[in-house]
Amino acid sequence: MDYAEQLRKTNETNHFMIHNNITATMLTGQEAQVTAAITPVSLNAMESVHGGLMFIMAETAAGLLTRNDGRRHVTVNSSFQFLKGTNQAEKLIAKAVVMNRGRKICVCRSSVMEPGRDMVLAEGEFTFYCLDNN
């Protein structure tokens, strides 16, 4: 399955992403990107984008990238930092890159930003374990 087909399938069948207004927008061999439309249910009690949404976006982008080789992976560890909040965003972008891909373990780094701003709101590393015997 090529990358465009993986994006299409993910956006049509991943009910968790659909529920959270997250859309996979870019996938290559080394990078992935997802976006999320910010709605009132994206906000916390302080009317800022909830940090949980930022984490979900970052992990989702990393997971999309990890499985771009056609194998199944699960998250086994993560480290995540919230650097800056936002209450003005209409959309957020999460980008992931591969740090290291082995036979059974893949490590990705993700960052979350507002479009058009050169400022990282949150970032982290995600470690995935491959379930397939390849």
N, C-alpha and C. Protein backbone atom coordinates (compact mmCIF):
# COMPACT_ATOMS: atom_id res chain seq x y z
N MET A 1 0.85 -1.18 0.00
CA MET A 1 0.00 0.00 0.00
C MET A 1 0.90 1.24 0.00
N ASP A 2 0.64 2.16 -0.92
CA ASP A 2 1.47 3.37 -0.98
C ASP A 2 1.03 4.36 0.10
N TYR A 3 1.81 5.42 0.26
CA TYR A 3 1.56 6.39 1.34
C TYR A 3 0.22 7.10 1.18
N ALA A 4 -0.15 7.45 -0.03
CA ALA A 4 -1.44 8.13 -0.25
C ALA A 4 -2.59 7.22 0.16
N GLU A 5 -2.49 5.95 -0.15
CA GLU A 5 -3.52 4.99 0.22
C GLU A 5 -3.56 4.80 1.75
N GLN A 6 -2.40 4.80 2.38
CA GLN A 6 -2.37 4.70 3.84
C GLN A 6 -3.05 5.90 4.49
N LEU A 7 -2.80 7.09 3.96
CA LEU A 7 -3.47 8.30 4.48
C LEU A 7 -4.98 8.19 4.33
N ARG A 8 -5.42 7.82 3.13
CA ARG A 8 -6.85 7.70 2.87
C ARG A 8 -7.50 6.70 3.82
N LYS A 9 -6.90 5.53 3.93
CA LYS A 9 -7.46 4.48 4.78
C LYS A 9 -7.49 4.92 6.25
N THR A 10 -6.44 5.54 6.71
CA THR A 10 -6.39 6.01 8.09
C THR A 10 -7.49 7.02 8.36
N ASN A 11 -7.64 7.99 7.49
CA ASN A 11 -8.64 9.03 7.69
C ASN A 11 -10.08 8.51 7.61
N GLU A 12 -10.28 7.42 6.90
CA GLU A 12 -11.63 6.87 6.75
C GLU A 12 -11.98 5.85 7.83
N THR A 13 -10.99 5.19 8.42
CA THR A 13 -11.29 4.06 9.31
C THR A 13 -10.86 4.24 10.76
N ASN A 14 -10.04 5.25 11.07
CA ASN A 14 -9.58 5.42 12.45
C ASN A 14 -10.60 6.27 13.22
N HIS A 15 -11.50 5.60 13.90
CA HIS A 15 -12.60 6.28 14.59
C HIS A 15 -12.11 7.17 15.73
N PHE A 16 -11.00 6.82 16.36
CA PHE A 16 -10.44 7.66 17.42
C PHE A 16 -10.00 9.00 16.86
N MET A 17 -9.31 8.97 15.72
CA MET A 17 -8.89 10.21 15.08
C MET A 17 -10.10 11.02 14.64
N ILE A 18 -11.07 10.38 14.03
CA ILE A 18 -12.28 11.07 13.58
C ILE A 18 -12.97 11.75 14.76
N HIS A 19 -13.12 11.02 15.86
CA HIS A 19 -13.78 11.57 17.06
C HIS A 19 -13.06 12.81 17.58
N ASN A 20 -11.73 12.85 17.45
CA ASN A 20 -10.93 13.96 17.98
C ASN A 20 -10.58 15.01 16.93
N ASN A 21 -11.24 14.97 15.76
CA ASN A 21 -11.02 15.95 14.68
C ASN A 21 -9.59 15.95 14.17
N ILE A 22 -8.93 14.80 14.20
CA ILE A 22 -7.55 14.69 13.74
C ILE A 22 -7.55 14.08 12.33
N THR A 23 -6.79 14.70 11.43
CA THR A 23 -6.68 14.23 10.05
C THR A 23 -5.22 14.01 9.70
N ALA A 24 -4.91 12.85 9.15
CA ALA A 24 -3.56 12.57 8.64
C ALA A 24 -3.40 13.33 7.33
N THR A 25 -2.37 14.17 7.22
CA THR A 25 -2.23 15.03 6.04
C THR A 25 -0.96 14.79 5.23
N MET A 26 0.04 14.09 5.81
CA MET A 26 1.27 13.86 5.07
C MET A 26 1.96 12.62 5.61
N LEU A 27 2.49 11.81 4.70
CA LEU A 27 3.23 10.61 5.08
C LEU A 27 4.28 10.33 4.03
N THR A 28 5.53 10.17 4.49
CA THR A 28 6.64 9.74 3.63
C THR A 28 7.36 8.62 4.37
N GLY A 29 8.51 8.24 3.87
CA GLY A 29 9.31 7.22 4.54
C GLY A 29 9.90 7.68 5.85
N GLN A 30 10.07 8.99 6.01
CA GLN A 30 10.73 9.51 7.21
C GLN A 30 9.93 10.55 7.98
N GLU A 31 8.78 10.97 7.47
CA GLU A 31 7.99 12.01 8.13
C GLU A 31 6.50 11.73 8.03
N ALA A 32 5.77 12.21 9.04
CA ALA A 32 4.30 12.16 9.00
C ALA A 32 3.77 13.44 9.63
N GLN A 33 2.57 13.81 9.23
CA GLN A 33 1.94 15.01 9.80
C GLN A 33 0.45 14.77 9.95
N VAL A 34 -0.09 15.25 11.06
CA VAL A 34 -1.53 15.26 11.28
C VAL A 34 -1.94 16.67 11.68
N THR A 35 -3.21 17.00 11.44
CA THR A 35 -3.75 18.28 11.87
C THR A 35 -5.01 18.02 12.69
N ALA A 36 -5.36 19.00 13.50
CA ALA A 36 -6.61 18.92 14.25
C ALA A 36 -7.30 20.27 14.23
N ALA A 37 -8.56 20.27 13.88
CA ALA A 37 -9.37 21.48 13.97
C ALA A 37 -9.71 21.70 15.44
N ILE A 38 -9.50 22.90 15.92
CA ILE A 38 -9.78 23.22 17.32
C ILE A 38 -11.24 23.65 17.44
N THR A 39 -11.96 22.95 18.29
CA THR A 39 -13.37 23.22 18.55
C THR A 39 -13.54 23.45 20.05
N PRO A 40 -14.71 23.85 20.50
CA PRO A 40 -14.91 24.03 21.95
C PRO A 40 -14.58 22.79 22.78
N VAL A 41 -14.78 21.60 22.24
CA VAL A 41 -14.46 20.39 23.01
C VAL A 41 -12.96 20.11 23.06
N SER A 42 -12.14 20.89 22.33
CA SER A 42 -10.68 20.77 22.37
C SER A 42 -10.08 21.56 23.53
N LEU A 43 -10.89 22.37 24.19
CA LEU A 43 -10.38 23.30 25.19
C LEU A 43 -10.52 22.75 26.60
N ASN A 44 -9.60 23.20 27.47
CA ASN A 44 -9.68 22.84 28.88
C ASN A 44 -10.48 23.90 29.65
N ALA A 45 -10.49 23.80 30.96
CA ALA A 45 -11.27 24.72 31.79
C ALA A 45 -10.75 26.16 31.71
N MET A 46 -9.51 26.35 31.28
CA MET A 46 -8.93 27.69 31.14
C MET A 46 -9.10 28.24 29.73
N GLU A 47 -9.91 27.55 28.91
CA GLU A 47 -10.17 27.97 27.53
C GLU A 47 -8.93 27.91 26.64
N SER A 48 -7.97 27.08 27.01
CA SER A 48 -6.78 26.81 26.19
C SER A 48 -6.91 25.41 25.59
N VAL A 49 -6.17 25.16 24.51
CA VAL A 49 -6.18 23.82 23.94
C VAL A 49 -5.68 22.84 24.99
N HIS A 50 -6.43 21.78 25.19
CA HIS A 50 -6.09 20.79 26.21
C HIS A 50 -4.79 20.07 25.84
N GLY A 51 -3.91 19.91 26.81
CA GLY A 51 -2.65 19.22 26.57
C GLY A 51 -2.84 17.79 26.11
N GLY A 52 -3.92 17.17 26.52
CA GLY A 52 -4.20 15.81 26.08
C GLY A 52 -4.38 15.72 24.57
N LEU A 53 -4.97 16.74 23.98
CA LEU A 53 -5.12 16.76 22.52
C LEU A 53 -3.75 16.85 21.86
N MET A 54 -2.87 17.69 22.42
CA MET A 54 -1.52 17.81 21.85
C MET A 54 -0.79 16.47 21.93
N PHE A 55 -0.92 15.77 23.07
CA PHE A 55 -0.27 14.47 23.22
C PHE A 55 -0.83 13.48 22.20
N ILE A 56 -2.16 13.42 22.09
CA ILE A 56 -2.80 12.50 21.14
C ILE A 56 -2.32 12.77 19.72
N MET A 57 -2.24 14.04 19.35
CA MET A 57 -1.79 14.39 18.00
C MET A 57 -0.36 13.92 17.77
N ALA A 58 0.52 14.17 18.73
CA ALA A 58 1.92 13.79 18.59
C ALA A 58 2.08 12.28 18.50
N GLU A 59 1.37 11.54 19.33
CA GLU A 59 1.46 10.09 19.32
C GLU A 59 0.85 9.52 18.05
N THR A 60 -0.22 10.12 17.58
CA THR A 60 -0.88 9.68 16.35
C THR A 60 0.03 9.88 15.14
N ALA A 61 0.69 11.03 15.06
CA ALA A 61 1.62 11.28 13.95
C ALA A 61 2.77 10.27 13.99
N ALA A 62 3.31 10.02 15.18
CA ALA A 62 4.40 9.06 15.32
C ALA A 62 3.94 7.65 14.96
N GLY A 63 2.75 7.27 15.39
CA GLY A 63 2.23 5.95 15.07
C GLY A 63 1.99 5.76 13.59
N LEU A 64 1.46 6.79 12.94
CA LEU A 64 1.25 6.76 11.50
C LEU A 64 2.58 6.53 10.78
N LEU A 65 3.60 7.24 11.21
CA LEU A 65 4.92 7.12 10.61
C LEU A 65 5.53 5.74 10.88
N THR A 66 5.38 5.26 12.08
CA THR A 66 5.97 3.97 12.45
C THR A 66 5.42 2.84 11.61
N ARG A 67 4.12 2.85 11.37
CA ARG A 67 3.52 1.74 10.63
C ARG A 67 3.54 1.94 9.11
N ASN A 68 4.25 2.96 8.63
CA ASN A 68 4.29 3.18 7.18
C ASN A 68 5.03 2.08 6.43
N ASP A 69 5.66 1.17 7.17
CA ASP A 69 6.33 0.03 6.53
C ASP A 69 5.39 -1.17 6.37
N GLY A 70 4.10 -0.98 6.71
CA GLY A 70 3.13 -2.04 6.54
C GLY A 70 3.01 -3.00 7.71
N ARG A 71 3.82 -2.80 8.74
CA ARG A 71 3.76 -3.69 9.90
C ARG A 71 2.93 -3.03 11.01
N ARG A 72 2.49 -3.85 11.97
CA ARG A 72 1.71 -3.37 13.11
C ARG A 72 2.65 -3.05 14.27
N HIS A 73 2.42 -1.90 14.91
CA HIS A 73 3.23 -1.47 16.05
C HIS A 73 2.32 -0.99 17.17
N VAL A 74 2.83 -1.08 18.39
CA VAL A 74 2.14 -0.53 19.56
C VAL A 74 3.09 0.37 20.32
N THR A 75 2.56 1.40 20.93
CA THR A 75 3.36 2.31 21.75
C THR A 75 3.73 1.60 23.04
N VAL A 76 5.02 1.63 23.39
CA VAL A 76 5.46 1.03 24.65
C VAL A 76 6.01 2.05 25.63
N ASN A 77 6.35 3.25 25.14
CA ASN A 77 6.89 4.27 26.04
C ASN A 77 6.77 5.64 25.37
N SER A 78 6.69 6.67 26.20
CA SER A 78 6.69 8.02 25.67
C SER A 78 7.26 8.97 26.72
N SER A 79 7.79 10.06 26.22
CA SER A 79 8.26 11.16 27.06
C SER A 79 7.77 12.43 26.38
N PHE A 80 7.03 13.27 27.10
CA PHE A 80 6.37 14.39 26.46
C PHE A 80 6.47 15.64 27.31
N GLN A 81 6.75 16.77 26.67
CA GLN A 81 6.88 18.05 27.37
C GLN A 81 5.90 19.05 26.78
N PHE A 82 5.18 19.72 27.68
CA PHE A 82 4.30 20.82 27.28
C PHE A 82 5.09 22.10 27.48
N LEU A 83 5.31 22.84 26.39
CA LEU A 83 6.18 24.01 26.44
C LEU A 83 5.41 25.33 26.48
N LYS A 84 4.29 25.38 25.79
CA LYS A 84 3.52 26.62 25.72
C LYS A 84 2.08 26.29 25.38
N GLY A 85 1.16 26.98 26.01
CA GLY A 85 -0.25 26.80 25.71
C GLY A 85 -0.71 27.75 24.64
N THR A 86 -1.92 27.52 24.16
CA THR A 86 -2.51 28.43 23.17
C THR A 86 -4.02 28.46 23.36
N ASN A 87 -4.57 29.66 23.24
CA ASN A 87 -6.03 29.80 23.28
C ASN A 87 -6.55 30.53 22.05
N GLN A 88 -5.70 30.72 21.06
CA GLN A 88 -6.09 31.43 19.84
C GLN A 88 -6.10 30.54 18.60
N ALA A 89 -5.62 29.34 18.71
CA ALA A 89 -5.46 28.47 17.54
C ALA A 89 -6.80 28.00 16.99
N GLU A 90 -6.90 27.96 15.68
CA GLU A 90 -8.04 27.35 15.00
C GLU A 90 -7.70 25.94 14.55
N LYS A 91 -6.39 25.67 14.47
CA LYS A 91 -5.90 24.37 14.03
C LYS A 91 -4.52 24.16 14.62
N LEU A 92 -4.16 22.91 14.89
CA LEU A 92 -2.80 22.55 15.30
C LEU A 92 -2.25 21.52 14.32
N ILE A 93 -0.92 21.48 14.24
CA ILE A 93 -0.21 20.53 13.40
C ILE A 93 0.76 19.74 14.28
N ALA A 94 0.81 18.44 14.08
CA ALA A 94 1.82 17.60 14.73
C ALA A 94 2.64 16.94 13.64
N LYS A 95 3.95 17.04 13.77
CA LYS A 95 4.87 16.43 12.82
C LYS A 95 5.73 15.42 13.55
N ALA A 96 5.97 14.29 12.90
CA ALA A 96 6.81 13.24 13.47
C ALA A 96 7.92 12.88 12.51
N VAL A 97 9.08 12.55 13.06
CA VAL A 97 10.21 12.06 12.28
C VAL A 97 10.76 10.81 12.96
N VAL A 98 11.33 9.92 12.18
CA VAL A 98 11.95 8.71 12.71
C VAL A 98 13.32 9.07 13.28
N MET A 99 13.55 8.68 14.51
CA MET A 99 14.87 8.85 15.13
C MET A 99 15.71 7.58 14.90
N ASN A 100 15.06 6.42 15.06
CA ASN A 100 15.75 5.15 14.87
C ASN A 100 14.70 4.07 14.58
N ARG A 101 14.94 3.31 13.53
CA ARG A 101 14.04 2.19 13.20
C ARG A 101 14.86 0.92 13.17
N GLY A 102 14.55 0.03 14.08
CA GLY A 102 15.19 -1.28 14.11
C GLY A 102 14.23 -2.35 13.65
N ARG A 103 14.62 -3.60 13.84
CA ARG A 103 13.79 -4.71 13.43
C ARG A 103 12.53 -4.81 14.27
N LYS A 104 12.61 -4.52 15.57
CA LYS A 104 11.47 -4.64 16.48
C LYS A 104 11.08 -3.34 17.16
N ILE A 105 11.97 -2.36 17.23
CA ILE A 105 11.72 -1.10 17.94
C ILE A 105 11.88 0.07 16.98
N CYS A 106 10.94 1.01 17.07
CA CYS A 106 11.04 2.25 16.29
C CYS A 106 10.84 3.42 17.25
N VAL A 107 11.72 4.41 17.17
CA VAL A 107 11.63 5.60 18.02
C VAL A 107 11.39 6.81 17.12
N CYS A 108 10.36 7.57 17.45
CA CYS A 108 10.01 8.78 16.69
C CYS A 108 9.99 9.99 17.61
N ARG A 109 10.22 11.14 17.03
CA ARG A 109 10.13 12.41 17.75
C ARG A 109 9.03 13.22 17.08
N SER A 110 8.16 13.80 17.90
CA SER A 110 7.04 14.59 17.40
C SER A 110 7.05 15.97 18.01
N SER A 111 6.54 16.93 17.24
CA SER A 111 6.34 18.29 17.77
C SER A 111 4.96 18.77 17.33
N VAL A 112 4.37 19.63 18.18
CA VAL A 112 3.05 20.19 17.93
C VAL A 112 3.18 21.70 17.83
N MET A 113 2.59 22.28 16.77
CA MET A 113 2.69 23.72 16.53
C MET A 113 1.37 24.27 15.99
N GLU A 114 1.26 25.59 16.03
CA GLU A 114 0.17 26.28 15.34
C GLU A 114 0.67 26.57 13.93
N PRO A 115 -0.19 26.43 12.92
CA PRO A 115 0.23 26.78 11.56
C PRO A 115 0.62 28.25 11.47
N GLY A 116 1.69 28.52 10.74
CA GLY A 116 2.13 29.90 10.53
C GLY A 116 2.93 30.50 11.67
N ARG A 117 3.13 29.75 12.74
CA ARG A 117 3.94 30.24 13.85
C ARG A 117 5.14 29.33 14.02
N ASP A 118 6.29 29.91 14.21
CA ASP A 118 7.52 29.13 14.36
C ASP A 118 7.79 28.88 15.83
N MET A 119 6.78 28.26 16.50
CA MET A 119 6.91 28.03 17.93
C MET A 119 6.35 26.65 18.26
N VAL A 120 7.16 25.83 18.91
CA VAL A 120 6.72 24.50 19.31
C VAL A 120 5.93 24.62 20.61
N LEU A 121 4.72 24.08 20.62
CA LEU A 121 3.87 24.11 21.81
C LEU A 121 4.15 22.92 22.72
N ALA A 122 4.46 21.78 22.11
CA ALA A 122 4.74 20.55 22.86
C ALA A 122 5.58 19.63 21.98
N GLU A 123 6.33 18.76 22.63
CA GLU A 123 7.17 17.82 21.87
C GLU A 123 7.46 16.59 22.71
N GLY A 124 7.79 15.51 22.02
CA GLY A 124 8.10 14.30 22.76
C GLY A 124 8.66 13.21 21.88
N GLU A 125 9.08 12.13 22.56
CA GLU A 125 9.58 10.94 21.89
C GLU A 125 8.65 9.78 22.20
N PHE A 126 8.45 8.93 21.19
CA PHE A 126 7.57 7.79 21.31
C PHE A 126 8.30 6.54 20.85
N THR A 127 8.25 5.49 21.65
CA THR A 127 8.88 4.23 21.31
C THR A 127 7.79 3.21 21.01
N PHE A 128 7.94 2.55 19.87
CA PHE A 128 6.96 1.57 19.42
C PHE A 128 7.62 0.19 19.28
N TYR A 129 6.84 -0.84 19.57
CA TYR A 129 7.28 -2.23 19.41
C TYR A 129 6.53 -2.83 18.25
N CYS A 130 7.25 -3.52 17.37
CA CYS A 130 6.64 -4.16 16.21
C CYS A 130 6.07 -5.53 16.60
N LEU A 131 4.79 -5.72 16.30
CA LEU A 131 4.10 -6.98 16.63
C LEU A 131 4.32 -8.05 15.59
N ASP A 132 4.78 -7.69 14.40
CA ASP A 132 4.93 -8.65 13.30
C ASP A 132 6.32 -9.27 13.31
N ASN A 133 6.40 -10.50 12.82
CA ASN A 133 7.67 -11.23 12.77
C ASN A 133 8.30 -11.11 11.40
N ASN A 134 8.82 -9.95 11.08
CA ASN A 134 9.50 -9.74 9.80
C ASN A 134 10.98 -9.58 10.01
